Amino acid sequence: MNETKLRATPGPWHYDQENNAIYNKTCLYICDAPKNNDHDKHLIAAAPDLYEALEITAELVEALGHTAKKARVALAKARGGNYEY
């Protein structure tokens, strides 16, 4: 149930402490890492993996006949699409 393909730089991403930046697996620069919160750096680096895991989870939940609205809203938000809670 993939409404729109995610167009972000493919993961995995990693945090480079020396440069305080986020890079993908081919060392392509993604963005500067936040300077004031170490946890944000790691959350940003994990974004592609989290997106994929949430997409798989939403599909499994829906296959069991349940709603995954909050997951679908988060996925739409990540794609830059329309979203409502």
Protein backbone atom coordinates (compact mmCIF):
# COMPACT_ATOMS: atom_id res chain seq x y z
CA MET A 1 0.00 0.00 0.00
CA ASN A 2 2.75 2.39 -1.03
CA GLU A 3 0.82 5.57 -1.95
CA THR A 4 3.86 7.55 -3.08
CA LYS A 5 7.46 6.46 -3.30
CA LEU A 6 9.84 8.06 -0.85
CA ARG A 7 12.27 10.25 -2.80
CA ALA A 8 14.83 10.74 -0.04
CA THR A 9 18.49 9.84 -0.42
CA PRO A 10 18.71 6.08 0.00
CA GLY A 11 19.96 4.76 3.31
CA PRO A 12 21.49 3.59 5.35
CA TRP A 13 22.74 6.88 6.73
CA HIS A 14 25.36 7.35 9.42
CA TYR A 15 26.56 10.10 11.71
CA ASP A 16 30.17 11.19 11.20
CA GLN A 17 31.44 12.64 14.47
CA GLU A 18 34.59 14.15 12.96
CA ASN A 19 32.59 16.29 10.51
CA ASN A 20 29.43 16.52 12.65
CA ALA A 21 27.40 15.56 9.60
CA ILE A 22 25.08 12.84 8.30
CA TYR A 23 26.19 10.82 5.25
CA ASN A 24 24.69 7.92 3.32
CA LYS A 25 26.37 4.58 2.69
CA THR A 26 28.32 5.95 -0.28
CA CYS A 27 29.54 8.91 1.82
CA LEU A 28 27.20 11.33 0.09
CA TYR A 29 26.61 14.32 2.39
CA ILE A 30 23.02 14.49 3.66
CA CYS A 31 23.08 17.38 6.16
CA ASP A 32 24.89 18.96 9.07
CA ALA A 33 24.05 17.28 12.34
CA PRO A 34 22.37 19.33 15.08
CA LYS A 35 24.95 20.72 17.46
CA ASN A 36 22.79 20.91 20.56
CA ASN A 37 21.35 17.41 20.87
CA ASP A 38 23.28 14.16 20.41
CA HIS A 39 20.06 12.13 20.26
CA ASP A 40 18.78 14.09 17.24
CA LYS A 41 21.94 13.22 15.30
CA HIS A 42 21.32 9.52 15.70
CA LEU A 43 17.58 9.82 15.03
CA ILE A 44 18.27 11.63 11.75
CA ALA A 45 20.85 9.00 10.76
CA ALA A 46 18.30 6.25 11.47
CA ALA A 47 15.52 7.92 9.43
CA PRO A 48 15.68 5.69 6.32
CA ASP A 49 15.70 2.53 8.45
CA LEU A 50 12.83 3.80 10.61
CA TYR A 51 10.80 4.71 7.51
CA GLU A 52 11.25 1.25 6.02
CA ALA A 53 10.41 -0.49 9.30
CA LEU A 54 7.28 1.61 9.78
CA GLU A 55 6.13 0.94 6.22
CA ILE A 56 6.51 -2.83 6.71
CA THR A 57 4.77 -2.68 10.09
CA ALA A 58 1.84 -0.68 8.69
CA GLU A 59 1.40 -3.21 5.89
CA LEU A 60 1.39 -6.11 8.35
CA VAL A 61 -1.07 -4.39 10.69
CA GLU A 62 -3.42 -3.65 7.79
CA ALA A 63 -3.08 -7.22 6.49
CA LEU A 64 -4.41 -8.36 9.86
CA GLY A 65 -7.47 -6.18 9.35
CA HIS A 66 -6.50 -3.33 11.66
CA THR A 67 -5.96 0.34 10.93
CA ALA A 68 -2.49 1.86 10.85
CA LYS A 69 -3.63 5.47 10.46
CA LYS A 70 -0.98 7.03 12.69
CA ALA A 71 1.73 5.08 10.86
CA ARG A 72 0.32 6.08 7.47
CA VAL A 73 0.18 9.73 8.57
CA ALA A 74 3.83 9.61 9.65
CA LEU A 75 4.84 7.99 6.36
CA ALA A 76 2.96 10.63 4.36
CA LYS A 77 4.61 13.37 6.41
CA ALA A 78 8.04 11.88 5.68
CA ARG A 79 7.26 11.93 1.94
CA GLY A 80 6.19 15.57 2.14
CA GLY A 81 2.60 14.68 1.28
CA ASN A 82 -0.72 15.62 2.78
CA TYR A 83 -1.31 14.26 6.23
CA GLU A 84 -3.87 14.61 8.98
CA TYR A 85 -4.24 12.89 12.31
